[in-house]
Amino acid sequence: MLVCDPYLRFVRYGVPVKTTIELPDDLAAQARRCAAESGTTLRSVIEEALRRELARRQHPVEWKADADLAYGSGGLSPTAMSMTWAELRDLAMQR
């Protein structure tokens, strides 16, 4: 859950905005351990994770069918036809 501090400063000329967030205890502990192990600050860990997630959402990866597994609109290829659903699922999840 994200809770914003009511006394936020406006961002001007690269001045950071201070805000308050609430994190589950286990997530906060994991983030603190990550910061300690990497020799950085909790702020850096959270900032990096947030930037990465926002970039991922802005540029979603487009999935393309493997030419060995599918024909254009003709269905599954002979290679894919010989695979089990579990094998097809596992292969799809690797991409």
PDB file of N, CA and C in Angstrom:
ATOM      1  N   MET A   1       0.849  -1.169   0.000  1.00  0.00           N
ATOM      2  CA  MET A   1       0.000   0.000   0.000  1.00  0.00           C
ATOM      3  C   MET A   1       0.894   1.232   0.000  1.00  0.00           C
ATOM      4  N   LEU A   2       0.581   2.193  -0.836  1.00  0.00           N
ATOM      5  CA  LEU A   2       1.349   3.426  -0.938  1.00  0.00           C
ATOM      6  C   LEU A   2       0.583   4.526  -0.238  1.00  0.00           C
ATOM      7  N   VAL A   3       1.222   5.214   0.676  1.00  0.00           N
ATOM      8  CA  VAL A   3       0.604   6.323   1.394  1.00  0.00           C
ATOM      9  C   VAL A   3       1.464   7.550   1.166  1.00  0.00           C
ATOM     10  N   CYS A   4       0.878   8.598   0.625  1.00  0.00           N
ATOM     11  CA  CYS A   4       1.631   9.825   0.352  1.00  0.00           C
ATOM     12  C   CYS A   4       1.560  10.767   1.541  1.00  0.00           C
ATOM     13  N   ASP A   5       2.679  11.362   1.876  1.00  0.00           N
ATOM     14  CA  ASP A   5       2.750  12.359   2.933  1.00  0.00           C
ATOM     15  C   ASP A   5       2.010  13.611   2.457  1.00  0.00           C
ATOM     16  N   PRO A   6       1.158  14.209   3.265  1.00  0.00           N
ATOM     17  CA  PRO A   6       0.416  15.392   2.820  1.00  0.00           C
ATOM     18  C   PRO A   6       1.287  16.632   2.631  1.00  0.00           C
ATOM     19  N   TYR A   7       2.535  16.609   3.081  1.00  0.00           N
ATOM     20  CA  TYR A   7       3.409  17.775   2.986  1.00  0.00           C
ATOM     21  C   TYR A   7       4.508  17.558   1.958  1.00  0.00           C
ATOM     22  N   LEU A   8       4.124  17.153   0.758  1.00  0.00           N
ATOM     23  CA  LEU A   8       5.102  16.888  -0.295  1.00  0.00           C
ATOM     24  C   LEU A   8       5.689  18.183  -0.828  1.00  0.00           C
ATOM     25  N   ARG A   9       6.980  18.117  -1.173  1.00  0.00           N
ATOM     26  CA  ARG A   9       7.609  19.252  -1.850  1.00  0.00           C
ATOM     27  C   ARG A   9       7.424  19.050  -3.349  1.00  0.00           C
ATOM     28  N   PHE A  10       7.308  20.137  -4.089  1.00  0.00           N
ATOM     29  CA  PHE A  10       7.199  20.050  -5.541  1.00  0.00           C
ATOM     30  C   PHE A  10       8.573  19.802  -6.139  1.00  0.00           C
ATOM     31  N   VAL A  11       8.604  19.052  -7.242  1.00  0.00           N
ATOM     32  CA  VAL A  11       9.866  18.774  -7.921  1.00  0.00           C
ATOM     33  C   VAL A  11      10.173  19.958  -8.836  1.00  0.00           C
ATOM     34  N   ARG A  12      11.294  20.577  -8.581  1.00  0.00           N
ATOM     35  CA  ARG A  12      11.754  21.688  -9.423  1.00  0.00           C
ATOM     36  C   ARG A  12      13.251  21.544  -9.588  1.00  0.00           C
ATOM     37  N   TYR A  13      13.688  21.567 -10.814  1.00  0.00           N
ATOM     38  CA  TYR A  13      15.122  21.532 -11.119  1.00  0.00           C
ATOM     39  C   TYR A  13      15.814  20.329 -10.483  1.00  0.00           C
ATOM     40  N   GLY A  14      15.161  19.168 -10.542  1.00  0.00           N
ATOM     41  CA  GLY A  14      15.785  17.946 -10.066  1.00  0.00           C
ATOM     42  C   GLY A  14      15.800  17.751  -8.562  1.00  0.00           C
ATOM     43  N   VAL A  15      15.072  18.575  -7.821  1.00  0.00           N
ATOM     44  CA  VAL A  15      15.018  18.419  -6.364  1.00  0.00           C
ATOM     45  C   VAL A  15      14.123  17.220  -6.058  1.00  0.00           C
ATOM     46  N   PRO A  16      14.619  16.255  -5.286  1.00  0.00           N
ATOM     47  CA  PRO A  16      13.806  15.069  -4.996  1.00  0.00           C
ATOM     48  C   PRO A  16      12.549  15.411  -4.199  1.00  0.00           C
ATOM     49  N   VAL A  17      11.509  14.627  -4.412  1.00  0.00           N
ATOM     50  CA  VAL A  17      10.266  14.771  -3.668  1.00  0.00           C
ATOM     51  C   VAL A  17      10.321  13.815  -2.489  1.00  0.00           C
ATOM     52  N   LYS A  18       9.982  14.305  -1.325  1.00  0.00           N
ATOM     53  CA  LYS A  18       9.910  13.429  -0.151  1.00  0.00           C
ATOM     54  C   LYS A  18       8.487  12.911  -0.057  1.00  0.00           C
ATOM     55  N   THR A  19       8.391  11.617   0.201  1.00  0.00           N
ATOM     56  CA  THR A  19       7.081  10.999   0.364  1.00  0.00           C
ATOM     57  C   THR A  19       7.207   9.879   1.388  1.00  0.00           C
ATOM     58  N   THR A  20       6.097   9.460   1.910  1.00  0.00           N
ATOM     59  CA  THR A  20       6.078   8.379   2.874  1.00  0.00           C
ATOM     60  C   THR A  20       5.353   7.207   2.243  1.00  0.00           C
ATOM     61  N   ILE A  21       5.929   6.014   2.368  1.00  0.00           N
ATOM     62  CA  ILE A  21       5.257   4.823   1.876  1.00  0.00           C
ATOM     63  C   ILE A  21       5.208   3.793   2.987  1.00  0.00           C
ATOM     64  N   GLU A  22       4.208   2.941   2.936  1.00  0.00           N
ATOM     65  CA  GLU A  22       4.111   1.832   3.867  1.00  0.00           C
ATOM     66  C   GLU A  22       4.374   0.558   3.085  1.00  0.00           C
ATOM     67  N   LEU A  23       5.282  -0.260   3.597  1.00  0.00           N
ATOM     68  CA  LEU A  23       5.613  -1.537   2.970  1.00  0.00           C
ATOM     69  C   LEU A  23       5.324  -2.662   3.956  1.00  0.00           C
ATOM     70  N   PRO A  24       4.941  -3.818   3.450  1.00  0.00           N
ATOM     71  CA  PRO A  24       4.820  -4.967   4.349  1.00  0.00           C
ATOM     72  C   PRO A  24       6.175  -5.245   5.004  1.00  0.00           C
ATOM     73  N   ASP A  25       6.159  -5.702   6.237  1.00  0.00           N
ATOM     74  CA  ASP A  25       7.398  -5.927   6.985  1.00  0.00           C
ATOM     75  C   ASP A  25       8.379  -6.829   6.240  1.00  0.00           C
ATOM     76  N   ASP A  26       7.882  -7.903   5.644  1.00  0.00           N
ATOM     77  CA  ASP A  26       8.784  -8.835   4.961  1.00  0.00           C
ATOM     78  C   ASP A  26       9.436  -8.201   3.741  1.00  0.00           C
ATOM     79  N   LEU A  27       8.687  -7.366   3.012  1.00  0.00           N
ATOM     80  CA  LEU A  27       9.249  -6.694   1.838  1.00  0.00           C
ATOM     81  C   LEU A  27      10.291  -5.651   2.248  1.00  0.00           C
ATOM     82  N   ALA A  28      10.004  -4.902   3.308  1.00  0.00           N
ATOM     83  CA  ALA A  28      10.954  -3.909   3.801  1.00  0.00           C
ATOM     84  C   ALA A  28      12.242  -4.585   4.272  1.00  0.00           C
ATOM     85  N   ALA A  29      12.104  -5.711   4.968  1.00  0.00           N
ATOM     86  CA  ALA A  29      13.290  -6.439   5.448  1.00  0.00           C
ATOM     87  C   ALA A  29      14.107  -6.964   4.273  1.00  0.00           C
ATOM     88  N   GLN A  30      13.423  -7.479   3.261  1.00  0.00           N
ATOM     89  CA  GLN A  30      14.120  -7.995   2.076  1.00  0.00           C
ATOM     90  C   GLN A  30      14.848  -6.861   1.355  1.00  0.00           C
ATOM     91  N   ALA A  31      14.212  -5.703   1.251  1.00  0.00           N
ATOM     92  CA  ALA A  31      14.840  -4.551   0.592  1.00  0.00           C
ATOM     93  C   ALA A  31      16.049  -4.057   1.387  1.00  0.00           C
ATOM     94  N   ARG A  32      15.939  -4.049   2.708  1.00  0.00           N
ATOM     95  CA  ARG A  32      17.077  -3.643   3.552  1.00  0.00           C
ATOM     96  C   ARG A  32      18.254  -4.610   3.392  1.00  0.00           C
ATOM     97  N   ARG A  33      17.954  -5.918   3.362  1.00  0.00           N
ATOM     98  CA  ARG A  33      19.018  -6.919   3.164  1.00  0.00           C
ATOM     99  C   ARG A  33      19.679  -6.723   1.802  1.00  0.00           C
ATOM    100  N   CYS A  34      18.872  -6.481   0.777  1.00  0.00           N
ATOM    101  CA  CYS A  34      19.406  -6.261  -0.569  1.00  0.00           C
ATOM    102  C   CYS A  34      20.336  -5.053  -0.576  1.00  0.00           C
ATOM    103  N   ALA A  35      19.930  -3.978   0.086  1.00  0.00           N
ATOM    104  CA  ALA A  35      20.761  -2.771   0.150  1.00  0.00           C
ATOM    105  C   ALA A  35      22.069  -3.058   0.875  1.00  0.00           C
ATOM    106  N   ALA A  36      21.987  -3.751   1.991  1.00  0.00           N
ATOM    107  CA  ALA A  36      23.193  -4.064   2.768  1.00  0.00           C
ATOM    108  C   ALA A  36      24.144  -4.959   1.982  1.00  0.00           C
ATOM    109  N   GLU A  37      23.594  -5.981   1.324  1.00  0.00           N
ATOM    110  CA  GLU A  37      24.424  -6.910   0.554  1.00  0.00           C
ATOM    111  C   GLU A  37      25.100  -6.237  -0.639  1.00  0.00           C
ATOM    112  N   SER A  38      24.433  -5.239  -1.209  1.00  0.00           N
ATOM    113  CA  SER A  38      25.008  -4.565  -2.378  1.00  0.00           C
ATOM    114  C   SER A  38      25.755  -3.287  -2.000  1.00  0.00           C
ATOM    115  N   GLY A  39      25.820  -2.978  -0.708  1.00  0.00           N
ATOM    116  CA  GLY A  39      26.562  -1.811  -0.258  1.00  0.00           C
ATOM    117  C   GLY A  39      25.943  -0.491  -0.694  1.00  0.00           C
ATOM    118  N   THR A  40      24.626  -0.446  -0.758  1.00  0.00           N
ATOM    119  CA  THR A  40      23.939   0.769  -1.174  1.00  0.00           C
ATOM    120  C   THR A  40      22.877   1.116  -0.139  1.00  0.00           C
ATOM    121  N   THR A  41      22.062   2.091  -0.444  1.00  0.00           N
ATOM    122  CA  THR A  41      21.029   2.522   0.494  1.00  0.00           C
ATOM    123  C   THR A  41      19.685   1.904   0.146  1.00  0.00           C
ATOM    124  N   LEU A  42      18.810   1.882   1.130  1.00  0.00           N
ATOM    125  CA  LEU A  42      17.447   1.417   0.902  1.00  0.00           C
ATOM    126  C   LEU A  42      16.782   2.294  -0.149  1.00  0.00           C
ATOM    127  N   ARG A  43      17.034   3.586  -0.075  1.00  0.00           N
ATOM    128  CA  ARG A  43      16.468   4.519  -1.059  1.00  0.00           C
ATOM    129  C   ARG A  43      16.881   4.128  -2.471  1.00  0.00           C
ATOM    130  N   SER A  44      18.151   3.782  -2.680  1.00  0.00           N
ATOM    131  CA  SER A  44      18.636   3.400  -4.006  1.00  0.00           C
ATOM    132  C   SER A  44      17.979   2.125  -4.508  1.00  0.00           C
ATOM    133  N   VAL A  45      17.811   1.155  -3.606  1.00  0.00           N
ATOM    134  CA  VAL A  45      17.172  -0.110  -3.988  1.00  0.00           C
ATOM    135  C   VAL A  45      15.736   0.144  -4.437  1.00  0.00           C
ATOM    136  N   ILE A  46      14.996   0.921  -3.664  1.00  0.00           N
ATOM    137  CA  ILE A  46      13.598   1.207  -3.993  1.00  0.00           C
ATOM    138  C   ILE A  46      13.504   2.034  -5.266  1.00  0.00           C
ATOM    139  N   GLU A  47      14.374   3.028  -5.414  1.00  0.00           N
ATOM    140  CA  GLU A  47      14.353   3.873  -6.615  1.00  0.00           C
ATOM    141  C   GLU A  47      14.639   3.043  -7.865  1.00  0.00           C
ATOM    142  N   GLU A  48      15.650   2.186  -7.794  1.00  0.00           N
ATOM    143  CA  GLU A  48      16.002   1.356  -8.953  1.00  0.00           C
ATOM    144  C   GLU A  48      14.855   0.413  -9.321  1.00  0.00           C
ATOM    145  N   ALA A  49      14.257  -0.213  -8.317  1.00  0.00           N
ATOM    146  CA  ALA A  49      13.151  -1.142  -8.564  1.00  0.00           C
ATOM    147  C   ALA A  49      11.952  -0.417  -9.168  1.00  0.00           C
ATOM    148  N   LEU A  50      11.655   0.765  -8.674  1.00  0.00           N
ATOM    149  CA  LEU A  50      10.522   1.531  -9.189  1.00  0.00           C
ATOM    150  C   LEU A  50      10.777   1.989 -10.622  1.00  0.00           C
ATOM    151  N   ARG A  51      11.982   2.479 -10.904  1.00  0.00           N
ATOM    152  CA  ARG A  51      12.316   2.881 -12.279  1.00  0.00           C
ATOM    153  C   ARG A  51      12.216   1.704 -13.245  1.00  0.00           C
ATOM    154  N   ARG A  52      12.738   0.544 -12.824  1.00  0.00           N
ATOM    155  CA  ARG A  52      12.704  -0.646 -13.671  1.00  0.00           C
ATOM    156  C   ARG A  52      11.258  -1.069 -13.955  1.00  0.00           C
ATOM    157  N   GLU A  53      10.414  -1.063 -12.938  1.00  0.00           N
ATOM    158  CA  GLU A  53       9.016  -1.457 -13.114  1.00  0.00           C
ATOM    159  C   GLU A  53       8.257  -0.469 -13.997  1.00  0.00           C
ATOM    160  N   LEU A  54       8.490   0.825 -13.809  1.00  0.00           N
ATOM    161  CA  LEU A  54       7.818   1.818 -14.642  1.00  0.00           C
ATOM    162  C   LEU A  54       8.256   1.708 -16.105  1.00  0.00           C
ATOM    163  N   ALA A  55       9.544   1.461 -16.337  1.00  0.00           N
ATOM    164  CA  ALA A  55      10.043   1.282 -17.705  1.00  0.00           C
ATOM    165  C   ALA A  55       9.449   0.026 -18.330  1.00  0.00           C
ATOM    166  N   ARG A  56       9.348  -1.047 -17.552  1.00  0.00           N
ATOM    167  CA  ARG A  56       8.769  -2.292 -18.065  1.00  0.00           C
ATOM    168  C   ARG A  56       7.318  -2.085 -18.481  1.00  0.00           C
ATOM    169  N   ARG A  57       6.589  -1.339 -17.691  1.00  0.00           N
ATOM    170  CA  ARG A  57       5.181  -1.083 -18.016  1.00  0.00           C
ATOM    171  C   ARG A  57       5.035  -0.149 -19.214  1.00  0.00           C
ATOM    172  N   GLN A  58       5.991   0.744 -19.403  1.00  0.00           N
ATOM    173  CA  GLN A  58       5.930   1.683 -20.521  1.00  0.00           C
ATOM    174  C   GLN A  58       6.280   1.001 -21.845  1.00  0.00           C
ATOM    175  N   HIS A  59       7.140  -0.013 -21.801  1.00  0.00           N
ATOM    176  CA  HIS A  59       7.590  -0.709 -23.005  1.00  0.00           C
ATOM    177  C   HIS A  59       7.395  -2.214 -22.840  1.00  0.00           C
ATOM    178  N   PRO A  60       6.143  -2.672 -22.914  1.00  0.00           N
ATOM    179  CA  PRO A  60       5.914  -4.104 -22.732  1.00  0.00           C
ATOM    180  C   PRO A  60       6.569  -4.919 -23.845  1.00  0.00           C
ATOM    181  N   VAL A  61       7.027  -6.096 -23.485  1.00  0.00           N
ATOM    182  CA  VAL A  61       7.667  -6.984 -24.452  1.00  0.00           C
ATOM    183  C   VAL A  61       6.577  -7.641 -25.294  1.00  0.00           C
ATOM    184  N   GLU A  62       6.749  -7.582 -26.580  1.00  0.00           N
ATOM    185  CA  GLU A  62       5.776  -8.190 -27.480  1.00  0.00           C
ATOM    186  C   GLU A  62       6.175  -9.631 -27.743  1.00  0.00           C
ATOM    187  N   TRP A  63       5.253 -10.536 -27.512  1.00  0.00           N
ATOM    188  CA  TRP A  63       5.524 -11.948 -27.731  1.00  0.00           C
ATOM    189  C   TRP A  63       5.280 -12.287 -29.190  1.00  0.00           C
ATOM    190  N   LYS A  64       6.195 -13.044 -29.787  1.00  0.00           N
ATOM    191  CA  LYS A  64       6.038 -13.500 -31.156  1.00  0.00           C
ATOM    192  C   LYS A  64       6.100 -15.016 -31.163  1.00  0.00           C
ATOM    193  N   ALA A  65       5.244 -15.614 -31.948  1.00  0.00           N
ATOM    194  CA  ALA A  65       5.202 -17.072 -32.024  1.00  0.00           C
ATOM    195  C   ALA A  65       6.483 -17.606 -32.653  1.00  0.00           C
ATOM    196  N   ASP A  66       6.945 -18.702 -32.139  1.00  0.00           N
ATOM    197  CA  ASP A  66       8.119 -19.381 -32.678  1.00  0.00           C
ATOM    198  C   ASP A  66       7.740 -20.026 -33.999  1.00  0.00           C
ATOM    199  N   ALA A  67       8.511 -19.771 -35.039  1.00  0.00           N
ATOM    200  CA  ALA A  67       8.207 -20.303 -36.368  1.00  0.00           C
ATOM    201  C   ALA A  67       8.209 -21.825 -36.378  1.00  0.00           C
ATOM    202  N   ASP A  68       8.961 -22.444 -35.451  1.00  0.00           N
ATOM    203  CA  ASP A  68       8.996 -23.905 -35.393  1.00  0.00           C
ATOM    204  C   ASP A  68       7.728 -24.489 -34.775  1.00  0.00           C
ATOM    205  N   LEU A  69       6.958 -23.660 -34.074  1.00  0.00           N
ATOM    206  CA  LEU A  69       5.798 -24.179 -33.360  1.00  0.00           C
ATOM    207  C   LEU A  69       4.460 -23.812 -33.992  1.00  0.00           C
ATOM    208  N   ALA A  70       4.423 -22.740 -34.772  1.00  0.00           N
ATOM    209  CA  ALA A  70       3.132 -22.302 -35.307  1.00  0.00           C
ATOM    210  C   ALA A  70       3.237 -21.891 -36.762  1.00  0.00           C
ATOM    211  N   TYR A  71       2.147 -22.147 -37.478  1.00  0.00           N
ATOM    212  CA  TYR A  71       1.989 -21.630 -38.830  1.00  0.00           C
ATOM    213  C   TYR A  71       1.209 -20.335 -38.700  1.00  0.00           C
ATOM    214  N   GLY A  72       1.292 -19.454 -39.684  1.00  0.00           N
ATOM    215  CA  GLY A  72       0.564 -18.184 -39.642  1.00  0.00           C
ATOM    216  C   GLY A  72      -0.807 -18.300 -39.010  1.00  0.00           C
ATOM    217  N   SER A  73      -1.801 -18.712 -39.781  1.00  0.00           N
ATOM    218  CA  SER A  73      -3.132 -18.911 -39.206  1.00  0.00           C
ATOM    219  C   SER A  73      -3.541 -20.375 -39.335  1.00  0.00           C
ATOM    220  N   GLY A  74      -2.564 -21.227 -39.632  1.00  0.00           N
ATOM    221  CA  GLY A  74      -2.865 -22.635 -39.869  1.00  0.00           C
ATOM    222  C   GLY A  74      -2.761 -23.525 -38.649  1.00  0.00           C
ATOM    223  N   GLY A  75      -2.489 -22.962 -37.478  1.00  0.00           N
ATOM    224  CA  GLY A  75      -2.426 -23.785 -36.284  1.00  0.00           C
ATOM    225  C   GLY A  75      -1.015 -24.208 -35.936  1.00  0.00           C
ATOM    226  N   LEU A  76      -0.934 -25.278 -35.202  1.00  0.00           N
ATOM    227  CA  LEU A  76       0.356 -25.754 -34.715  1.00  0.00           C
ATOM    228  C   LEU A  76       1.140 -26.470 -35.806  1.00  0.00           C
ATOM    229  N   SER A  77       2.443 -26.331 -35.754  1.00  0.00           N
ATOM    230  CA  SER A  77       3.336 -27.024 -36.689  1.00  0.00           C
ATOM    231  C   SER A  77       3.452 -28.487 -36.279  1.00  0.00           C
ATOM    232  N   PRO A  78       3.989 -29.327 -37.154  1.00  0.00           N
ATOM    233  CA  PRO A  78       4.193 -30.726 -36.780  1.00  0.00           C
ATOM    234  C   PRO A  78       5.052 -30.882 -35.527  1.00  0.00           C
ATOM    235  N   THR A  79       6.056 -30.008 -35.351  1.00  0.00           N
ATOM    236  CA  THR A  79       6.894 -30.065 -34.152  1.00  0.00           C
ATOM    237  C   THR A  79       6.048 -29.848 -32.909  1.00  0.00           C
ATOM    238  N   ALA A  80       5.207 -28.824 -32.943  1.00  0.00           N
ATOM    239  CA  ALA A  80       4.364 -28.510 -31.792  1.00  0.00           C
ATOM    240  C   ALA A  80       3.305 -29.579 -31.572  1.00  0.00           C
ATOM    241  N   MET A  81       2.819 -30.172 -32.637  1.00  0.00           N
ATOM    242  CA  MET A  81       1.786 -31.209 -32.525  1.00  0.00           C
ATOM    243  C   MET A  81       2.309 -32.420 -31.765  1.00  0.00           C
ATOM    244  N   SER A  82       3.615 -32.640 -31.815  1.00  0.00           N
ATOM    245  CA  SER A  82       4.178 -33.806 -31.139  1.00  0.00           C
ATOM    246  C   SER A  82       4.490 -33.529 -29.667  1.00  0.00           C
ATOM    247  N   MET A  83       4.299 -32.289 -29.214  1.00  0.00           N
ATOM    248  CA  MET A  83       4.603 -31.923 -27.830  1.00  0.00           C
ATOM    249  C   MET A  83       3.353 -32.040 -26.960  1.00  0.00           C
ATOM    250  N   THR A  84       3.563 -32.280 -25.671  1.00  0.00           N
ATOM    251  CA  THR A  84       2.439 -32.287 -24.726  1.00  0.00           C
ATOM    252  C   THR A  84       2.098 -30.839 -24.379  1.00  0.00           C
ATOM    253  N   TRP A  85       0.907 -30.643 -23.786  1.00  0.00           N
ATOM    254  CA  TRP A  85       0.526 -29.292 -23.373  1.00  0.00           C
ATOM    255  C   TRP A  85       1.507 -28.754 -22.337  1.00  0.00           C
ATOM    256  N   ALA A  86       1.974 -29.610 -21.463  1.00  0.00           N
ATOM    257  CA  ALA A  86       2.937 -29.190 -20.438  1.00  0.00           C
ATOM    258  C   ALA A  86       4.236 -28.717 -21.088  1.00  0.00           C
ATOM    259  N   GLU A  87       4.693 -29.431 -22.121  1.00  0.00           N
ATOM    260  CA  GLU A  87       5.919 -29.027 -22.833  1.00  0.00           C
ATOM    261  C   GLU A  87       5.713 -27.700 -23.556  1.00  0.00           C
ATOM    262  N   LEU A  88       4.540 -27.536 -24.180  1.00  0.00           N
ATOM    263  CA  LEU A  88       4.248 -26.264 -24.867  1.00  0.00           C
ATOM    264  C   LEU A  88       4.203 -25.111 -23.867  1.00  0.00           C
ATOM    265  N   ARG A  89       3.553 -25.347 -22.726  1.00  0.00           N
ATOM    266  CA  ARG A  89       3.460 -24.309 -21.706  1.00  0.00           C
ATOM    267  C   ARG A  89       4.842 -23.929 -21.182  1.00  0.00           C
ATOM    268  N   ASP A  90       5.648 -24.933 -20.886  1.00  0.00           N
ATOM    269  CA  ASP A  90       6.997 -24.675 -20.370  1.00  0.00           C
ATOM    270  C   ASP A  90       7.820 -23.904 -21.379  1.00  0.00           C
ATOM    271  N   LEU A  91       7.703 -24.264 -22.639  1.00  0.00           N
ATOM    272  CA  LEU A  91       8.438 -23.563 -23.691  1.00  0.00           C
ATOM    273  C   LEU A  91       7.977 -22.113 -23.801  1.00  0.00           C
ATOM    274  N   ALA A  92       6.668 -21.889 -23.723  1.00  0.00           N
ATOM    275  CA  ALA A  92       6.118 -20.529 -23.805  1.00  0.00           C
ATOM    276  C   ALA A  92       6.564 -19.687 -22.612  1.00  0.00           C
ATOM    277  N   MET A  93       6.659 -20.295 -21.435  1.00  0.00           N
ATOM    278  CA  MET A  93       7.034 -19.552 -20.235  1.00  0.00           C
ATOM    279  C   MET A  93       8.508 -19.180 -20.233  1.00  0.00           C
ATOM    280  N   GLN A  94       9.326 -19.841 -21.044  1.00  0.00           N
ATOM    281  CA  GLN A  94      10.744 -19.521 -21.119  1.00  0.00           C
ATOM    282  C   GLN A  94      11.008 -18.276 -21.937  1.00  0.00           C
ATOM    283  N   ARG A  95      10.047 -17.844 -22.692  1.00  0.00           N
ATOM    284  CA  ARG A  95      10.244 -16.690 -23.587  1.00  0.00           C
ATOM    285  C   ARG A  95       9.862 -15.409 -22.926  1.00  0.00           C
TER     286      ARG A  95
END
